[in-house]
C-alpha atoms as a PDB file:
ATOM      1  CA  MET A   1      79.844 114.320  41.168  1.00  0.00           C
ATOM      2  CA  LEU A   2      81.725 112.689  44.433  1.00  0.00           C
ATOM      3  CA  SER A   3      81.804 109.499  42.797  1.00  0.00           C
ATOM      4  CA  SER A   4      84.401 110.523  39.874  1.00  0.00           C
ATOM      5  CA  LEU A   5      86.548 112.383  42.555  1.00  0.00           C
ATOM      6  CA  SER A   6      89.334 110.433  44.710  1.00  0.00           C
ATOM      7  CA  ILE A   7      88.804 111.864  48.068  1.00  0.00           C
ATOM      8  CA  SER A   8      91.249 110.067  50.742  1.00  0.00           C
ATOM      9  CA  GLY A   9      89.203 108.353  53.008  1.00  0.00           C
ATOM     10  CA  LEU A  10      86.050 108.190  50.846  1.00  0.00           C
ATOM     11  CA  GLU A  11      87.343 105.425  48.238  1.00  0.00           C
ATOM     12  CA  GLY A  12      84.872 102.658  47.842  1.00  0.00           C
ATOM     13  CA  SER A  13      81.990 105.003  49.839  1.00  0.00           C
ATOM     14  CA  GLY A  14      78.427 105.159  48.076  1.00  0.00           C
ATOM     15  CA  PRO A  15      75.185 104.145  49.419  1.00  0.00           C
ATOM     16  CA  LEU A  16      75.251 100.483  49.106  1.00  0.00           C
ATOM     17  CA  ARG A  17      78.419  99.862  50.850  1.00  0.00           C
ATOM     18  CA  PRO A  18      78.237  99.086  54.858  1.00  0.00           C
ATOM     19  CA  SER A  19      79.192 102.088  56.806  1.00  0.00           C
ATOM     20  CA  TYR A  20      82.031 101.606  59.788  1.00  0.00           C
ATOM     21  CA  PHE A  21      81.705 105.492  60.453  1.00  0.00           C
ATOM     22  CA  PHE A  22      80.895 105.293  64.492  1.00  0.00           C
ATOM     23  CA  ARG A  23      79.807 101.731  63.813  1.00  0.00           C
ATOM     24  CA  GLN A  24      79.275 100.713  67.481  1.00  0.00           C
ATOM     25  CA  ASP A  25      77.778 104.182  68.801  1.00  0.00           C
ATOM     26  CA  ASN A  26      75.204 103.711  66.591  1.00  0.00           C
ATOM     27  CA  LEU A  27      74.511 100.074  67.237  1.00  0.00           C
ATOM     28  CA  ALA A  28      74.230 101.208  70.881  1.00  0.00           C
ATOM     29  CA  ASN A  29      71.921 104.151  69.980  1.00  0.00           C
ATOM     30  CA  VAL A  30      69.149 101.875  68.146  1.00  0.00           C
ATOM     31  CA  GLN A  31      69.576  99.262  70.700  1.00  0.00           C
ATOM     32  CA  LEU A  32      68.555 102.149  73.479  1.00  0.00           C
ATOM     33  CA  ALA A  33      65.719 102.910  70.757  1.00  0.00           C
ATOM     34  CA  SER A  34      64.422  99.535  70.923  1.00  0.00           C
ATOM     35  CA  TYR A  35      64.244  99.319  74.462  1.00  0.00           C
ATOM     36  CA  LEU A  36      63.394 102.367  74.545  1.00  0.00           C
ATOM     37  CA  THR A  37      59.890 101.784  72.914  1.00  0.00           C
ATOM     38  CA  LYS A  38      59.572  98.717  74.028  1.00  0.00           C
ATOM     39  CA  TYR A  39      59.702  99.144  77.710  1.00  0.00           C
ATOM     40  CA  THR A  40      58.675 103.420  78.353  1.00  0.00           C
ATOM     41  CA  SER A  41      55.577 105.095  78.239  1.00  0.00           C
ATOM     42  CA  SER A  42      55.079 107.913  75.052  1.00  0.00           C
ATOM     43  CA  ASP A  43      55.754 110.666  77.200  1.00  0.00           C
ATOM     44  CA  THR A  44      59.151 110.056  78.498  1.00  0.00           C
ATOM     45  CA  THR A  45      61.673 112.365  77.540  1.00  0.00           C
ATOM     46  CA  LEU A  46      65.143 111.232  76.860  1.00  0.00           C
ATOM     47  CA  ALA A  47      67.672 113.512  76.820  1.00  0.00           C
ATOM     48  CA  VAL A  48      70.434 112.448  74.019  1.00  0.00           C
ATOM     49  CA  HIS A  49      74.527 113.247  73.436  1.00  0.00           C
ATOM     50  CA  SER A  50      74.290 112.219  69.606  1.00  0.00           C
ATOM     51  CA  ALA A  51      70.986 113.384  67.986  1.00  0.00           C
ATOM     52  CA  GLY A  52      70.703 110.706  65.406  1.00  0.00           C
ATOM     53  CA  MET A  53      69.835 107.152  65.701  1.00  0.00           C
ATOM     54  CA  ALA A  54      68.296 107.235  69.806  1.00  0.00           C
ATOM     55  CA  PRO A  55      65.882 109.896  68.081  1.00  0.00           C
ATOM     56  CA  TYR A  56      65.001 108.652  64.642  1.00  0.00           C
ATOM     57  CA  PHE A  57      64.717 105.045  66.146  1.00  0.00           C
ATOM     58  CA  LEU A  58      62.216 106.171  68.607  1.00  0.00           C
ATOM     59  CA  ASP A  59      58.838 107.924  68.502  1.00  0.00           C
ATOM     60  CA  ARG A  60      59.693 109.952  72.030  1.00  0.00           C
ATOM     61  CA  TYR A  61      60.283 113.621  72.724  1.00  0.00           C
ATOM     62  CA  THR A  62      64.470 113.789  72.704  1.00  0.00           C
ATOM     63  CA  ILE A  63      66.885 116.575  74.379  1.00  0.00           C
ATOM     64  CA  ASP A  64      69.853 117.515  72.814  1.00  0.00           C
ATOM     65  CA  VAL A  65      72.603 117.751  75.323  1.00  0.00           C
ATOM     66  CA  LEU A  66      74.935 119.534  72.939  1.00  0.00           C
ATOM     67  CA  GLY A  67      72.475 122.536  71.730  1.00  0.00           C
ATOM     68  CA  LYS A  68      72.829 121.473  67.900  1.00  0.00           C
ATOM     69  CA  ALA A  69      68.562 121.866  68.552  1.00  0.00           C
ATOM     70  CA  ASP A  70      68.591 123.340  71.214  1.00  0.00           C
ATOM     71  CA  LEU A  71      68.066 127.345  71.198  1.00  0.00           C
ATOM     72  CA  HIS A  72      69.776 128.094  74.689  1.00  0.00           C
ATOM     73  CA  ILE A  73      72.798 126.136  74.451  1.00  0.00           C
ATOM     74  CA  ALA A  74      72.883 126.628  70.632  1.00  0.00           C
ATOM     75  CA  HIS A  75      73.619 130.777  71.643  1.00  0.00           C
ATOM     76  CA  LEU A  76      76.260 129.937  74.306  1.00  0.00           C
ATOM     77  CA  VAL A  77      79.290 131.648  73.851  1.00  0.00           C
ATOM     78  CA  VAL A  78      82.223 129.215  74.512  1.00  0.00           C
ATOM     79  CA  SER A  79      86.061 129.971  74.750  1.00  0.00           C
ATOM     80  CA  ASP A  80      87.415 127.044  73.526  1.00  0.00           C
ATOM     81  CA  PHE A  81      85.371 126.255  70.081  1.00  0.00           C
ATOM     82  CA  SER A  82      84.600 122.674  68.730  1.00  0.00           C
ATOM     83  CA  PRO A  83      81.400 122.532  66.288  1.00  0.00           C
ATOM     84  CA  GLY A  84      78.834 120.462  68.088  1.00  0.00           C
ATOM     85  CA  HIS A  85      80.978 119.454  71.042  1.00  0.00           C
ATOM     86  CA  SER A  86      81.971 122.634  73.011  1.00  0.00           C
ATOM     87  CA  LYS A  87      78.947 124.090  74.206  1.00  0.00           C
ATOM     88  CA  TRP A  88      76.627 121.787  76.973  1.00  0.00           C
ATOM     89  CA  ASP A  89      74.908 123.578  80.067  1.00  0.00           C
ATOM     90  CA  TRP A  90      73.947 121.059  82.886  1.00  0.00           C
ATOM     91  CA  ASP A  91      72.207 123.257  85.475  1.00  0.00           C
ATOM     92  CA  TYR A  92      69.484 123.964  82.372  1.00  0.00           C
ATOM     93  CA  ILE A  93      69.167 120.443  81.329  1.00  0.00           C
ATOM     94  CA  ILE A  94      68.694 119.148  84.639  1.00  0.00           C
ATOM     95  CA  ARG A  95      66.774 122.001  86.219  1.00  0.00           C
ATOM     96  CA  GLU A  96      64.594 123.285  83.783  1.00  0.00           C
ATOM     97  CA  ARG A  97      64.343 120.615  80.401  1.00  0.00           C
ATOM     98  CA  GLN A  98      64.289 117.958  83.475  1.00  0.00           C
ATOM     99  CA  PRO A  99      64.540 114.836  81.049  1.00  0.00           C
ATOM    100  CA  ASP A 100      63.215 111.671  81.804  1.00  0.00           C
ATOM    101  CA  LEU A 101      66.225 109.547  80.727  1.00  0.00           C
ATOM    102  CA  ILE A 102      69.915 110.373  80.241  1.00  0.00           C
ATOM    103  CA  ASP A 103      71.604 107.920  77.357  1.00  0.00           C
ATOM    104  CA  PHE A 104      74.750 108.718  79.252  1.00  0.00           C
ATOM    105  CA  GLU A 105      77.202 110.741  81.332  1.00  0.00           C
ATOM    106  CA  THR A 106      80.061 113.162  79.907  1.00  0.00           C
ATOM    107  CA  ARG A 107      81.619 115.975  80.117  1.00  0.00           C
ATOM    108  CA  ASP A 108      81.888 116.275  84.208  1.00  0.00           C
ATOM    109  CA  LEU A 109      78.153 115.865  84.703  1.00  0.00           C
ATOM    110  CA  ILE A 110      79.175 112.933  87.679  1.00  0.00           C
ATOM    111  CA  SER A 111      80.020 115.775  89.604  1.00  0.00           C
ATOM    112  CA  ASN A 112      76.924 117.699  89.253  1.00  0.00           C
ATOM    113  CA  PRO A 113      75.363 117.706  92.509  1.00  0.00           C
ATOM    114  CA  GLU A 114      71.898 118.006  91.326  1.00  0.00           C
ATOM    115  CA  PHE A 115      71.908 115.050  88.972  1.00  0.00           C
ATOM    116  CA  THR A 116      73.337 113.108  91.451  1.00  0.00           C
ATOM    117  CA  ALA A 117      70.372 113.812  93.472  1.00  0.00           C
ATOM    118  CA  ARG A 118      68.007 113.823  91.395  1.00  0.00           C
ATOM    119  CA  TYR A 119      69.087 110.561  89.030  1.00  0.00           C
ATOM    120  CA  VAL A 120      70.001 106.926  89.418  1.00  0.00           C
ATOM    121  CA  TYR A 121      71.843 105.051  86.970  1.00  0.00           C
ATOM    122  CA  VAL A 122      70.037 101.634  85.319  1.00  0.00           C
ATOM    123  CA  GLU A 123      70.538  98.838  83.885  1.00  0.00           C
ATOM    124  CA  GLY A 124      67.850  97.275  81.782  1.00  0.00           C
ATOM    125  CA  THR A 125      67.308  93.548  79.872  1.00  0.00           C
ATOM    126  CA  GLY A 126      69.697  93.595  77.040  1.00  0.00           C
ATOM    127  CA  ASP A 127      72.635  94.942  79.088  1.00  0.00           C
ATOM    128  CA  VAL A 128      70.800  98.900  78.103  1.00  0.00           C
ATOM    129  CA  ARG A 129      71.800 100.797  80.456  1.00  0.00           C
ATOM    130  CA  PHE A 130      71.625 104.871  81.089  1.00  0.00           C
ATOM    131  CA  PHE A 131      70.535 106.989  83.997  1.00  0.00           C
ATOM    132  CA  VAL A 132      66.491 107.979  84.791  1.00  0.00           C
ATOM    133  CA  ARG A 133      65.192 111.048  86.902  1.00  0.00           C
ATOM    134  CA  LYS A 134      64.189 108.806  90.483  1.00  0.00           C
ATOM    135  CA  ASP A 135      60.577 110.254  90.141  1.00  0.00           C
ATOM    136  CA  ALA A 136      60.338 109.227  86.569  1.00  0.00           C
ATOM    137  CA  LEU A 137      61.395 105.447  87.546  1.00  0.00           C
ATOM    138  CA  ALA A 138      57.110 104.402  87.015  1.00  0.00           C
ATOM    139  CA  LYS A 139      57.561 105.614  83.424  1.00  0.00           C
ATOM    140  CA  LEU A 140      60.135 102.439  82.891  1.00  0.00           C
ATOM    141  CA  SER A 141      57.800  98.988  82.746  1.00  0.00           C
ATOM    142  CA  ASP A 142      60.672  96.520  82.456  1.00  0.00           C
ATOM    143  CA  PRO A 143      60.395  93.914  84.796  1.00  0.00           C
ATOM    144  CA  GLY A 144      64.207  93.273  85.000  1.00  0.00           C
ATOM    145  CA  LEU A 145      65.159  96.676  85.496  1.00  0.00           C
ATOM    146  CA  ARG A 146      67.781  97.341  88.040  1.00  0.00           C
ATOM    147  CA  THR A 147      70.168 100.151  89.511  1.00  0.00           C
ATOM    148  CA  ARG A 148      73.782 100.108  89.784  1.00  0.00           C
ATOM    149  CA  ALA A 149      76.694 101.905  91.037  1.00  0.00           C
ATOM    150  CA  TYR A 150      77.695 103.649  88.299  1.00  0.00           C
ATOM    151  CA  VAL A 151      81.329 103.482  87.516  1.00  0.00           C
ATOM    152  CA  PRO A 152      82.543 105.775  84.078  1.00  0.00           C
ATOM    153  CA  GLU A 153      84.331 103.641  81.934  1.00  0.00           C
END
């Protein structure tokens, strides 16, 4: 009976109350899903860091780069464990999974020479930004799509 408990941080929460937990990230992921639904072919694959909002709203195959839904990554052994955020394998993602799109860059992905050789940073209509595999550019039908120089934020 959670409603009868007073738990710090949960007071005032409930199914009818707005949630602000990761609100901006969630909105960005929904915007990305909406964009990709409109401007990509149905066989487009997307690698995501957060296997929540974008895959939920997007009818495309998604790849979880942090491994919560990938057997290879989930079984990696790491020295510093942080649930859901300490396991990734860029070589495996780029070479074997070969996603058409990658939602954003983290965990030193940009320094991977295969990534920089195979992917380009793009901006689409509505200021949506992501990486696309160069040989998958034809899967995007956005007439306003343009490549950009990637500048880490």
